[in-house]
Amino acid sequence: STVPVIMLSARADSIDVVLGLEAG
């Protein structure tokens, strides 16, 4: 699906952020 997705992370960690965005 192309449904919008917002990731929630307990840290502003670059790895968490980038992995989530790269996942779509």
PDB file of all heavy atoms in Angstrom:
ATOM      1  N   SER A   1       0.829  -1.205   0.000  1.00  0.00           N
ATOM      2  CA  SER A   1       0.000   0.000   0.000  1.00  0.00           C
ATOM      3  C   SER A   1       0.864   1.256   0.000  1.00  0.00           C
ATOM      4  O   SER A   1       2.024   1.235   0.412  1.00  0.00           O
ATOM      5  CB  SER A   1      -0.890   0.004   1.251  1.00  0.00           C
ATOM      6  OG  SER A   1      -1.576   1.219   1.408  1.00  0.00           O
ATOM      7  N   THR A   2       0.273   2.352  -0.460  1.00  0.00           N
ATOM      8  CA  THR A   2       0.921   3.666  -0.377  1.00  0.00           C
ATOM      9  C   THR A   2       0.338   4.499   0.757  1.00  0.00           C
ATOM     10  O   THR A   2       0.519   5.714   0.802  1.00  0.00           O
ATOM     11  CB  THR A   2       0.777   4.435  -1.705  1.00  0.00           C
ATOM     12  OG1 THR A   2      -0.606   4.608  -2.011  1.00  0.00           O
ATOM     13  CG2 THR A   2       1.465   3.699  -2.842  1.00  0.00           C
ATOM     14  N   VAL A   3      -0.379   3.864   1.677  1.00  0.00           N
ATOM     15  CA  VAL A   3      -0.966   4.579   2.809  1.00  0.00           C
ATOM     16  C   VAL A   3       0.134   5.337   3.551  1.00  0.00           C
ATOM     17  O   VAL A   3       1.252   4.839   3.703  1.00  0.00           O
ATOM     18  CB  VAL A   3      -1.700   3.597   3.759  1.00  0.00           C
ATOM     19  CG1 VAL A   3      -0.714   2.680   4.456  1.00  0.00           C
ATOM     20  CG2 VAL A   3      -2.539   4.346   4.784  1.00  0.00           C
ATOM     21  N   PRO A   4      -0.108   6.565   3.985  1.00  0.00           N
ATOM     22  CA  PRO A   4       0.933   7.312   4.705  1.00  0.00           C
ATOM     23  C   PRO A   4       1.333   6.644   6.010  1.00  0.00           C
ATOM     24  O   PRO A   4       0.489   6.084   6.721  1.00  0.00           O
ATOM     25  CB  PRO A   4       0.293   8.687   4.949  1.00  0.00           C
ATOM     26  CG  PRO A   4      -1.172   8.484   4.771  1.00  0.00           C
ATOM     27  CD  PRO A   4      -1.333   7.370   3.796  1.00  0.00           C
ATOM     28  N   VAL A   5       2.625   6.717   6.307  1.00  0.00           N
ATOM     29  CA  VAL A   5       3.181   6.109   7.518  1.00  0.00           C
ATOM     30  C   VAL A   5       4.024   7.135   8.250  1.00  0.00           C
ATOM     31  O   VAL A   5       4.875   7.801   7.645  1.00  0.00           O
ATOM     32  CB  VAL A   5       4.043   4.874   7.180  1.00  0.00           C
ATOM     33  CG1 VAL A   5       4.718   4.329   8.448  1.00  0.00           C
ATOM     34  CG2 VAL A   5       3.210   3.788   6.515  1.00  0.00           C
ATOM     35  N   ILE A   6       3.796   7.267   9.556  1.00  0.00           N
ATOM     36  CA  ILE A   6       4.629   8.083  10.426  1.00  0.00           C
ATOM     37  C   ILE A   6       5.289   7.153  11.434  1.00  0.00           C
ATOM     38  O   ILE A   6       4.609   6.380  12.107  1.00  0.00           O
ATOM     39  CB  ILE A   6       3.814   9.163  11.163  1.00  0.00           C
ATOM     40  CG1 ILE A   6       3.196  10.155  10.173  1.00  0.00           C
ATOM     41  CG2 ILE A   6       4.696   9.910  12.170  1.00  0.00           C
ATOM     42  CD1 ILE A   6       2.315  11.202  10.829  1.00  0.00           C
ATOM     43  N   MET A   7       6.615   7.226  11.524  1.00  0.00           N
ATOM     44  CA  MET A   7       7.339   6.426  12.497  1.00  0.00           C
ATOM     45  C   MET A   7       7.481   7.199  13.801  1.00  0.00           C
ATOM     46  O   MET A   7       7.656   8.425  13.797  1.00  0.00           O
ATOM     47  CB  MET A   7       8.736   6.070  11.973  1.00  0.00           C
ATOM     48  CG  MET A   7       8.757   5.313  10.660  1.00  0.00           C
ATOM     49  SD  MET A   7       7.966   3.684  10.716  1.00  0.00           S
ATOM     50  CE  MET A   7       8.973   2.839  11.938  1.00  0.00           C
ATOM     51  N   LEU A   8       7.421   6.465  14.918  1.00  0.00           N
ATOM     52  CA  LEU A   8       7.607   7.045  16.240  1.00  0.00           C
ATOM     53  C   LEU A   8       8.853   6.425  16.853  1.00  0.00           C
ATOM     54  O   LEU A   8       8.999   5.199  16.869  1.00  0.00           O
ATOM     55  CB  LEU A   8       6.395   6.770  17.136  1.00  0.00           C
ATOM     56  CG  LEU A   8       5.033   7.205  16.593  1.00  0.00           C
ATOM     57  CD1 LEU A   8       3.925   6.764  17.538  1.00  0.00           C
ATOM     58  CD2 LEU A   8       4.987   8.716  16.401  1.00  0.00           C
ATOM     59  N   SER A   9       9.756   7.258  17.344  1.00  0.00           N
ATOM     60  CA  SER A   9      11.001   6.758  17.912  1.00  0.00           C
ATOM     61  C   SER A   9      11.284   7.426  19.242  1.00  0.00           C
ATOM     62  O   SER A   9      11.050   8.626  19.405  1.00  0.00           O
ATOM     63  CB  SER A   9      12.168   7.019  16.955  1.00  0.00           C
ATOM     64  OG  SER A   9      13.401   6.680  17.557  1.00  0.00           O
ATOM     65  N   ALA A  10      11.780   6.651  20.195  1.00  0.00           N
ATOM     66  CA  ALA A  10      12.109   7.199  21.510  1.00  0.00           C
ATOM     67  C   ALA A  10      13.391   8.012  21.461  1.00  0.00           C
ATOM     68  O   ALA A  10      13.720   8.717  22.398  1.00  0.00           O
ATOM     69  CB  ALA A  10      12.244   6.081  22.535  1.00  0.00           C
ATOM     70  N   ARG A  11      14.125   7.898  20.378  1.00  0.00           N
ATOM     71  CA  ARG A  11      15.379   8.636  20.229  1.00  0.00           C
ATOM     72  C   ARG A  11      15.381   9.372  18.896  1.00  0.00           C
ATOM     73  O   ARG A  11      14.805   8.903  17.928  1.00  0.00           O
ATOM     74  CB  ARG A  11      16.574   7.689  20.263  1.00  0.00           C
ATOM     75  CG  ARG A  11      16.675   6.854  21.516  1.00  0.00           C
ATOM     76  CD  ARG A  11      17.790   5.840  21.346  1.00  0.00           C
ATOM     77  NE  ARG A  11      17.499   4.910  20.256  1.00  0.00           N
ATOM     78  CZ  ARG A  11      18.408   4.094  19.733  1.00  0.00           C
ATOM     79  NH1 ARG A  11      19.651   4.132  20.156  1.00  0.00           N
ATOM     80  NH2 ARG A  11      18.072   3.254  18.767  1.00  0.00           N
ATOM     81  N   ALA A  12      16.077  10.511  18.869  1.00  0.00           N
ATOM     82  CA  ALA A  12      16.260  11.206  17.592  1.00  0.00           C
ATOM     83  C   ALA A  12      17.517  10.651  16.937  1.00  0.00           C
ATOM     84  O   ALA A  12      18.334  11.383  16.390  1.00  0.00           O
ATOM     85  CB  ALA A  12      16.384  12.709  17.826  1.00  0.00           C
ATOM     86  N   ASP A  13      17.678   9.335  17.040  1.00  0.00           N
ATOM     87  CA  ASP A  13      18.873   8.659  16.540  1.00  0.00           C
ATOM     88  C   ASP A  13      18.863   8.629  15.022  1.00  0.00           C
ATOM     89  O   ASP A  13      17.864   8.266  14.407  1.00  0.00           O
ATOM     90  CB  ASP A  13      18.914   7.233  17.100  1.00  0.00           C
ATOM     91  CG  ASP A  13      20.216   6.533  16.785  1.00  0.00           C
ATOM     92  OD1 ASP A  13      20.365   6.081  15.640  1.00  0.00           O
ATOM     93  OD2 ASP A  13      21.066   6.448  17.689  1.00  0.00           O
ATOM     94  N   SER A  14      19.975   8.998  14.420  1.00  0.00           N
ATOM     95  CA  SER A  14      20.061   9.050  12.957  1.00  0.00           C
ATOM     96  C   SER A  14      19.739   7.705  12.330  1.00  0.00           C
ATOM     97  O   SER A  14      19.084   7.627  11.294  1.00  0.00           O
ATOM     98  CB  SER A  14      21.458   9.499  12.519  1.00  0.00           C
ATOM     99  OG  SER A  14      21.709  10.825  12.907  1.00  0.00           O
ATOM    100  N   ILE A  15      20.204   6.619  12.970  1.00  0.00           N
ATOM    101  CA  ILE A  15      19.957   5.295  12.404  1.00  0.00           C
ATOM    102  C   ILE A  15      18.472   4.982  12.405  1.00  0.00           C
ATOM    103  O   ILE A  15      17.912   4.528  11.407  1.00  0.00           O
ATOM    104  CB  ILE A  15      20.748   4.227  13.182  1.00  0.00           C
ATOM    105  CG1 ILE A  15      22.248   4.450  13.010  1.00  0.00           C
ATOM    106  CG2 ILE A  15      20.367   2.835  12.714  1.00  0.00           C
ATOM    107  CD1 ILE A  15      23.114   3.494  13.804  1.00  0.00           C
ATOM    108  N   ASP A  16      17.796   5.225  13.530  1.00  0.00           N
ATOM    109  CA  ASP A  16      16.357   4.986  13.613  1.00  0.00           C
ATOM    110  C   ASP A  16      15.611   5.782  12.553  1.00  0.00           C
ATOM    111  O   ASP A  16      14.736   5.264  11.854  1.00  0.00           O
ATOM    112  CB  ASP A  16      15.808   5.380  14.995  1.00  0.00           C
ATOM    113  CG  ASP A  16      16.114   4.338  16.055  1.00  0.00           C
ATOM    114  OD1 ASP A  16      16.597   3.247  15.681  1.00  0.00           O
ATOM    115  OD2 ASP A  16      15.882   4.610  17.241  1.00  0.00           O
ATOM    116  N   VAL A  17      15.939   7.066  12.453  1.00  0.00           N
ATOM    117  CA  VAL A  17      15.246   7.956  11.524  1.00  0.00           C
ATOM    118  C   VAL A  17      15.454   7.503  10.088  1.00  0.00           C
ATOM    119  O   VAL A  17      14.510   7.340   9.308  1.00  0.00           O
ATOM    120  CB  VAL A  17      15.721   9.411  11.710  1.00  0.00           C
ATOM    121  CG1 VAL A  17      15.170  10.292  10.599  1.00  0.00           C
ATOM    122  CG2 VAL A  17      15.303   9.941  13.073  1.00  0.00           C
ATOM    123  N   VAL A  18      16.712   7.289   9.713  1.00  0.00           N
ATOM    124  CA  VAL A  18      17.024   6.934   8.332  1.00  0.00           C
ATOM    125  C   VAL A  18      16.448   5.574   7.968  1.00  0.00           C
ATOM    126  O   VAL A  18      15.886   5.400   6.874  1.00  0.00           O
ATOM    127  CB  VAL A  18      18.551   6.963   8.095  1.00  0.00           C
ATOM    128  CG1 VAL A  18      18.891   6.406   6.729  1.00  0.00           C
ATOM    129  CG2 VAL A  18      19.070   8.395   8.221  1.00  0.00           C
ATOM    130  N   LEU A  19      16.555   4.590   8.863  1.00  0.00           N
ATOM    131  CA  LEU A  19      15.999   3.267   8.578  1.00  0.00           C
ATOM    132  C   LEU A  19      14.490   3.336   8.345  1.00  0.00           C
ATOM    133  O   LEU A  19      13.955   2.708   7.433  1.00  0.00           O
ATOM    134  CB  LEU A  19      16.310   2.297   9.723  1.00  0.00           C
ATOM    135  CG  LEU A  19      17.733   1.769   9.814  1.00  0.00           C
ATOM    136  CD1 LEU A  19      17.895   0.882  11.045  1.00  0.00           C
ATOM    137  CD2 LEU A  19      18.103   0.999   8.554  1.00  0.00           C
ATOM    138  N   GLY A  20      13.806   4.114   9.176  1.00  0.00           N
ATOM    139  CA  GLY A  20      12.368   4.257   9.013  1.00  0.00           C
ATOM    140  C   GLY A  20      11.997   4.909   7.699  1.00  0.00           C
ATOM    141  O   GLY A  20      11.093   4.459   6.996  1.00  0.00           O
ATOM    142  N   LEU A  21      12.717   5.978   7.341  1.00  0.00           N
ATOM    143  CA  LEU A  21      12.424   6.674   6.090  1.00  0.00           C
ATOM    144  C   LEU A  21      12.791   5.818   4.884  1.00  0.00           C
ATOM    145  O   LEU A  21      12.065   5.793   3.883  1.00  0.00           O
ATOM    146  CB  LEU A  21      13.168   8.005   6.055  1.00  0.00           C
ATOM    147  CG  LEU A  21      12.739   9.038   7.101  1.00  0.00           C
ATOM    148  CD1 LEU A  21      13.676  10.227   7.085  1.00  0.00           C
ATOM    149  CD2 LEU A  21      11.306   9.483   6.876  1.00  0.00           C
ATOM    150  N   GLU A  22      13.916   5.101   4.977  1.00  0.00           N
ATOM    151  CA  GLU A  22      14.310   4.241   3.864  1.00  0.00           C
ATOM    152  C   GLU A  22      13.332   3.085   3.681  1.00  0.00           C
ATOM    153  O   GLU A  22      13.197   2.546   2.577  1.00  0.00           O
ATOM    154  CB  GLU A  22      15.724   3.706   4.085  1.00  0.00           C
ATOM    155  CG  GLU A  22      16.812   4.759   3.893  1.00  0.00           C
ATOM    156  CD  GLU A  22      18.204   4.201   4.079  1.00  0.00           C
ATOM    157  OE1 GLU A  22      18.326   3.115   4.691  1.00  0.00           O
ATOM    158  OE2 GLU A  22      19.155   4.860   3.637  1.00  0.00           O
ATOM    159  N   ALA A  23      12.655   2.698   4.760  1.00  0.00           N
ATOM    160  CA  ALA A  23      11.652   1.628   4.669  1.00  0.00           C
ATOM    161  C   ALA A  23      10.382   2.111   3.987  1.00  0.00           C
ATOM    162  O   ALA A  23       9.506   1.304   3.678  1.00  0.00           O
ATOM    163  CB  ALA A  23      11.333   1.090   6.063  1.00  0.00           C
ATOM    164  N   GLY A  24      10.264   3.420   3.783  1.00  0.00           N
ATOM    165  CA  GLY A  24       9.100   3.957   3.093  1.00  0.00           C
ATOM    166  C   GLY A  24       8.218   4.859   3.928  1.00  0.00           C
ATOM    167  O   GLY A  24       7.166   5.298   3.464  1.00  0.00           O
TER     168      GLY A  24
END
